[in-house]
Protein backbone atom coordinates (compact mmCIF):
# COMPACT_ATOMS: atom_id res chain seq x y z
CA MET A 1 25.26 -60.40 44.88
CA GLY A 2 28.95 -60.11 44.18
CA LYS A 3 31.66 -62.37 42.78
CA LEU A 4 31.75 -64.66 45.76
CA VAL A 5 28.35 -66.36 45.08
CA LYS A 6 27.61 -68.35 41.91
CA VAL A 7 24.07 -68.77 40.83
CA SER A 8 22.82 -71.27 38.21
CA ASP A 9 19.40 -72.50 37.04
CA ALA A 10 18.35 -75.95 35.88
CA GLY A 11 14.68 -76.17 35.04
CA HIS A 12 12.93 -74.70 38.13
CA VAL A 13 15.81 -75.35 40.50
CA ARG A 14 18.15 -72.50 41.41
CA THR A 15 21.49 -73.44 42.89
CA ILE A 16 23.31 -70.94 45.00
CA MET A 17 27.00 -71.73 45.58
CA LEU A 18 29.38 -70.04 48.11
CA ASP A 19 32.43 -69.53 45.96
CA ARG A 20 35.31 -68.77 48.13
CA ALA A 21 36.93 -72.16 48.06
CA GLU A 22 40.44 -70.94 48.80
CA LYS A 23 39.16 -69.84 52.31
CA LYS A 24 36.86 -72.85 52.75
CA ASN A 25 34.04 -70.48 51.93
CA ALA A 26 34.56 -68.65 55.22
CA LEU A 27 32.25 -65.74 55.61
CA SER A 28 33.33 -62.26 54.81
CA GLN A 29 30.68 -59.56 54.90
CA GLU A 30 30.64 -59.60 51.08
CA LEU A 31 30.08 -63.27 50.93
CA ALA A 32 27.42 -63.24 53.73
CA TRP A 33 25.37 -60.50 52.11
CA GLY A 34 25.81 -62.11 48.73
CA VAL A 35 24.12 -65.29 50.01
CA VAL A 36 21.22 -63.19 51.51
CA GLU A 37 20.73 -61.27 48.25
CA ALA A 38 20.78 -64.48 46.18
CA VAL A 39 18.15 -66.09 48.38
CA ASP A 40 16.02 -62.90 48.27
CA ALA A 41 16.40 -62.89 44.37
CA ALA A 42 15.32 -66.53 44.17
CA ALA A 43 12.28 -65.90 46.42
CA ALA A 44 11.23 -63.17 44.03
CA ASP A 45 11.61 -65.27 40.81
CA ASP A 46 8.44 -67.03 39.85
CA ASN A 47 10.35 -69.50 37.68
CA VAL A 48 12.25 -70.76 40.70
CA TRP A 49 10.29 -73.48 42.57
CA VAL A 50 13.15 -75.01 44.63
CA VAL A 51 16.48 -73.55 45.85
CA ALA A 52 19.64 -75.56 46.48
CA LEU A 53 22.28 -74.03 48.64
CA THR A 54 25.88 -75.51 48.70
CA GLY A 55 29.60 -74.62 48.77
CA SER A 56 32.45 -74.82 46.26
CA GLY A 57 35.49 -76.96 46.60
CA ASP A 58 35.59 -79.28 49.67
CA ALA A 59 33.74 -77.09 52.19
CA PHE A 60 30.24 -75.86 52.74
CA CYS A 61 31.10 -72.92 54.94
CA ALA A 62 33.96 -72.71 57.53
CA GLY A 63 32.14 -69.91 59.48
CA LEU A 64 33.42 -66.44 60.13
CA ASP A 65 36.81 -65.67 58.58
CA LEU A 66 39.14 -65.51 61.56
CA SER A 67 42.32 -65.58 59.52
CA PRO A 68 45.01 -62.84 60.19
CA GLY A 69 44.20 -59.66 58.17
CA ALA A 70 40.49 -60.62 57.85
CA GLU A 71 37.94 -57.94 58.51
CA PRO A 72 37.02 -57.80 62.24
CA TYR A 73 33.71 -59.48 63.26
CA SER A 74 30.76 -57.23 63.27
CA PRO A 75 27.08 -58.06 62.48
CA TYR A 76 26.62 -54.38 61.80
CA THR A 77 27.28 -52.73 58.43
CA ALA A 78 25.75 -49.83 56.43
CA GLN A 79 23.47 -52.40 54.91
CA THR A 80 22.10 -53.28 58.46
CA ALA A 81 21.19 -49.72 59.18
CA MET A 82 17.63 -50.26 58.16
CA LEU A 83 17.62 -53.75 59.70
CA ASP A 84 18.30 -52.55 63.25
CA ASP A 85 20.40 -54.84 65.43
CA ILE A 86 19.92 -58.27 63.91
CA GLY A 87 22.96 -57.97 61.53
CA TRP A 88 23.97 -60.20 58.60
CA VAL A 89 24.21 -63.38 60.88
CA GLY A 90 20.45 -63.16 61.52
CA GLN A 91 19.61 -62.42 57.90
CA PHE A 92 20.43 -66.07 56.85
CA LEU A 93 17.51 -67.34 58.83
CA LEU A 94 15.12 -64.54 58.06
CA ALA A 95 15.97 -64.72 54.27
CA ILE A 96 15.52 -68.50 54.13
CA ARG A 97 12.68 -69.08 56.45
CA LYS A 98 10.75 -65.82 56.58
CA ARG A 99 11.15 -64.15 53.20
CA CYS A 100 11.58 -67.20 50.93
CA ASP A 101 8.52 -69.52 50.96
CA LYS A 102 10.16 -71.89 48.47
CA PRO A 103 11.94 -75.05 49.78
CA VAL A 104 15.68 -74.43 50.37
CA VAL A 105 17.71 -77.60 50.31
CA GLY A 106 21.04 -77.34 52.05
CA GLY A 107 23.75 -79.30 50.21
CA VAL A 108 26.40 -79.67 52.96
CA ASN A 109 29.27 -80.86 50.76
CA GLY A 110 31.97 -80.30 53.40
CA VAL A 111 32.75 -78.76 56.75
CA ALA A 112 30.06 -76.42 58.26
CA VAL A 113 31.14 -74.53 61.37
CA GLY A 114 29.72 -71.61 63.39
CA ALA A 115 27.76 -69.22 61.20
CA GLY A 116 28.25 -71.72 58.33
CA LEU A 117 26.50 -74.30 60.46
CA GLY A 118 23.80 -71.58 61.11
CA LEU A 119 23.47 -71.16 57.33
CA ALA A 120 23.10 -74.97 56.77
CA MET A 121 20.64 -75.34 59.65
CA ALA A 122 18.54 -72.44 58.35
CA CYS A 123 17.69 -74.49 55.26
CA ASP A 124 14.48 -76.44 55.30
CA VAL A 125 16.10 -79.79 54.68
CA ARG A 126 19.67 -80.89 54.35
CA LEU A 127 21.70 -83.49 52.44
CA ILE A 128 25.15 -84.11 53.76
CA ALA A 129 28.25 -85.63 52.18
CA SER A 130 29.66 -88.69 54.01
CA SER A 131 32.92 -86.92 54.95
CA ALA A 132 31.35 -83.53 55.83
CA ARG A 133 31.82 -82.30 59.34
CA LEU A 134 29.34 -80.24 61.36
CA MET A 135 30.58 -78.24 64.34
CA ALA A 136 29.20 -75.29 66.28
CA GLY A 137 32.69 -74.13 67.51
CA TYR A 138 31.60 -71.21 69.59
CA THR A 139 33.06 -72.45 72.85
CA ARG A 140 36.41 -72.78 71.21
CA ILE A 141 36.57 -69.11 70.20
CA GLY A 142 34.88 -67.66 73.35
CA GLY A 143 31.55 -66.92 71.63
CA SER A 144 27.92 -67.80 71.99
CA PRO A 145 25.66 -69.22 69.25
CA ASP A 146 24.30 -66.86 66.57
CA ALA A 147 23.01 -67.21 62.96
CA GLY A 148 19.79 -68.66 64.34
CA LEU A 149 21.34 -71.78 66.02
CA THR A 150 19.61 -71.33 69.24
CA ILE A 151 16.41 -71.63 67.24
CA THR A 152 17.18 -74.25 64.52
CA LEU A 153 19.30 -76.71 66.54
CA PRO A 154 16.70 -77.39 69.16
CA GLN A 155 14.05 -77.64 66.56
CA ALA A 156 16.06 -80.24 64.70
CA MET A 157 17.35 -82.39 67.61
CA GLY A 158 15.63 -81.33 70.82
CA TYR A 159 16.85 -79.30 73.72
CA GLU A 160 19.24 -81.69 75.43
CA LYS A 161 21.05 -82.87 72.20
CA ALA A 162 21.43 -79.27 71.14
CA MET A 163 22.92 -78.27 74.41
CA ARG A 164 25.30 -81.20 74.47
CA PHE A 165 26.37 -80.64 70.86
CA MET A 166 27.18 -76.95 71.42
CA MET A 167 28.34 -77.13 75.03
CA GLU A 168 30.77 -79.98 74.44
CA ASN A 169 31.92 -78.52 71.15
CA ARG A 170 31.09 -81.80 69.39
CA THR A 171 31.81 -82.68 65.76
CA VAL A 172 29.52 -84.94 63.77
CA THR A 173 30.02 -86.37 60.28
CA GLY A 174 27.95 -87.72 57.50
CA ALA A 175 25.58 -90.52 58.75
CA GLU A 176 26.07 -89.43 62.43
CA ALA A 177 24.70 -86.05 61.52
CA VAL A 178 21.52 -87.84 60.21
CA ASP A 179 21.35 -89.74 63.53
CA TRP A 180 21.45 -86.42 65.42
CA GLY A 181 18.66 -84.92 63.34
CA MET A 182 20.83 -82.43 61.64
CA ALA A 183 20.33 -83.75 58.11
CA GLY A 184 17.83 -86.07 56.41
CA GLU A 185 20.21 -87.91 54.24
CA ALA A 186 23.92 -88.67 53.80
CA ALA A 187 25.34 -89.32 50.37
CA ASP A 188 28.70 -90.60 49.09
CA ASP A 189 31.17 -87.89 48.41
CA ALA A 190 31.78 -89.06 44.82
CA ARG A 191 28.18 -88.53 43.78
CA PHE A 192 27.07 -85.76 46.26
CA ALA A 193 26.59 -83.00 43.68
CA GLU A 194 24.64 -85.37 41.56
CA ARG A 195 22.42 -86.51 44.41
CA LEU A 196 21.79 -82.91 45.52
CA ALA A 197 20.62 -82.03 42.01
CA GLU A 198 18.55 -85.10 41.76
CA TYR A 199 16.85 -84.43 44.96
CA ALA A 200 16.08 -80.79 44.23
CA GLN A 201 14.75 -81.66 40.78
CA GLY A 202 12.58 -84.33 42.35
CA LEU A 203 10.76 -81.78 44.49
CA CYS A 204 9.76 -80.09 41.23
CA ASP A 205 7.46 -83.05 40.51
CA TRP A 206 5.09 -81.28 43.03
CA SER A 207 3.09 -78.13 42.55
CA PRO A 208 5.08 -75.11 43.52
CA ILE A 209 1.96 -73.69 45.19
CA THR A 210 1.67 -76.80 47.38
CA LEU A 211 5.30 -76.58 48.41
CA ARG A 212 5.09 -72.87 49.15
CA LEU A 213 1.92 -73.26 51.25
CA LEU A 214 3.45 -76.30 53.03
CA LYS A 215 6.53 -74.21 54.00
CA ARG A 216 4.49 -71.22 55.09
CA GLY A 217 2.47 -73.46 57.40
CA MET A 218 5.53 -75.18 58.90
CA VAL A 219 7.36 -71.85 59.47
CA ARG A 220 4.23 -70.24 60.98
CA SER A 221 3.87 -73.09 63.48
CA TYR A 222 7.25 -72.33 64.90
CA GLU A 223 6.70 -68.48 65.09
CA SER A 224 4.90 -68.52 68.41
CA ALA A 225 8.13 -67.26 69.76
CA ASP A 226 9.28 -64.00 68.28
CA LEU A 227 12.01 -64.82 65.67
CA GLU A 228 13.47 -61.37 65.50
CA SER A 229 13.67 -60.90 69.24
CA GLN A 230 15.52 -64.21 69.48
CA LEU A 231 17.95 -63.20 66.77
CA ARG A 232 18.63 -59.86 68.54
CA TYR A 233 19.24 -61.77 71.73
CA GLU A 234 21.77 -64.02 69.96
CA VAL A 235 23.67 -60.99 68.46
CA ALA A 236 23.67 -59.24 71.88
CA ASN A 237 25.10 -62.33 73.54
CA ILE A 238 27.84 -62.94 70.93
CA ARG A 239 28.97 -59.28 71.15
CA ARG A 240 29.18 -59.64 74.87
CA ALA A 241 31.11 -62.87 74.60
CA PHE A 242 33.55 -61.53 71.97
CA GLY A 243 34.08 -58.37 73.95
CA SER A 244 35.16 -60.15 77.15
CA GLU A 245 38.72 -60.85 78.07
CA ASP A 246 37.99 -64.63 77.79
CA GLY A 247 36.75 -64.06 74.32
CA GLN A 248 39.85 -62.22 73.23
CA GLU A 249 42.06 -64.84 74.79
CA ALA A 250 40.05 -67.67 73.07
CA ARG A 251 40.75 -66.05 69.69
CA ARG A 252 44.44 -65.43 70.37
CA ALA A 253 44.87 -69.02 71.44
CA PHE A 254 42.91 -70.30 68.36
CA LEU A 255 45.20 -68.30 66.03
CA GLU A 256 48.33 -69.34 68.02
CA LYS A 257 47.27 -72.99 68.07
CA ARG A 258 47.54 -73.38 71.90
CA LYS A 259 45.19 -74.09 74.82
CA PRO A 260 43.49 -70.89 76.06
CA VAL A 261 43.76 -69.69 79.72
CA PHE A 262 40.44 -68.34 80.87
CA THR A 263 39.88 -66.05 83.86
CA GLY A 264 36.16 -65.65 83.78
CA ARG A 265 36.29 -61.97 82.81
């Protein structure tokens, strides 16, 4: 799973930590696949009953690494050859919801943007630090939602709120994220890591069989729509958006810290 992901066990809780703090845990392909592999490994380990997923430093995950010199965005790699056209962005949701039947607690310790927000929302439940900021950010860079957000955000908050949140490029923090339905609990920054560990350990008071069957039932109830088809649709849309002239202009303006000029092409 590479050097960009740290894994630790405490009792029956496995903590998976994105460990690219100098980049606000922004996603390279190595980091993205490292997270997927770590979740898959936790799913296969019978000693793991609960998974906690969090970020190092002061960020959860700042989304795709768009810094100069970073690898260009592509959901497709040699690793996705056998996974057709869903790509690594879709694997977050598939790994956490479909392949892992153990509760995954998202510990949103700091900013979560774009695919980083998708990773947070793929978790079964979320705790958020009071100062943490959640933002979709796709309109700002000329993209459309991926990483399962067209599935998870409407599930969490309802259609209109999800539309407004993404369309208006809103940012919510801490307790406000709880009000919007994006997290179940906000915790003080000073004791956030302690509270995340405490919550995850508390779930181990229940039978792991009960928790796994509970999650299977909940996930299945939402699978009347084809999850994989929706993920393919997301990836097709973001490729189209990023390939447009407006998408290229949005990213240039983002890096140049200016207002973009769109032409509708």
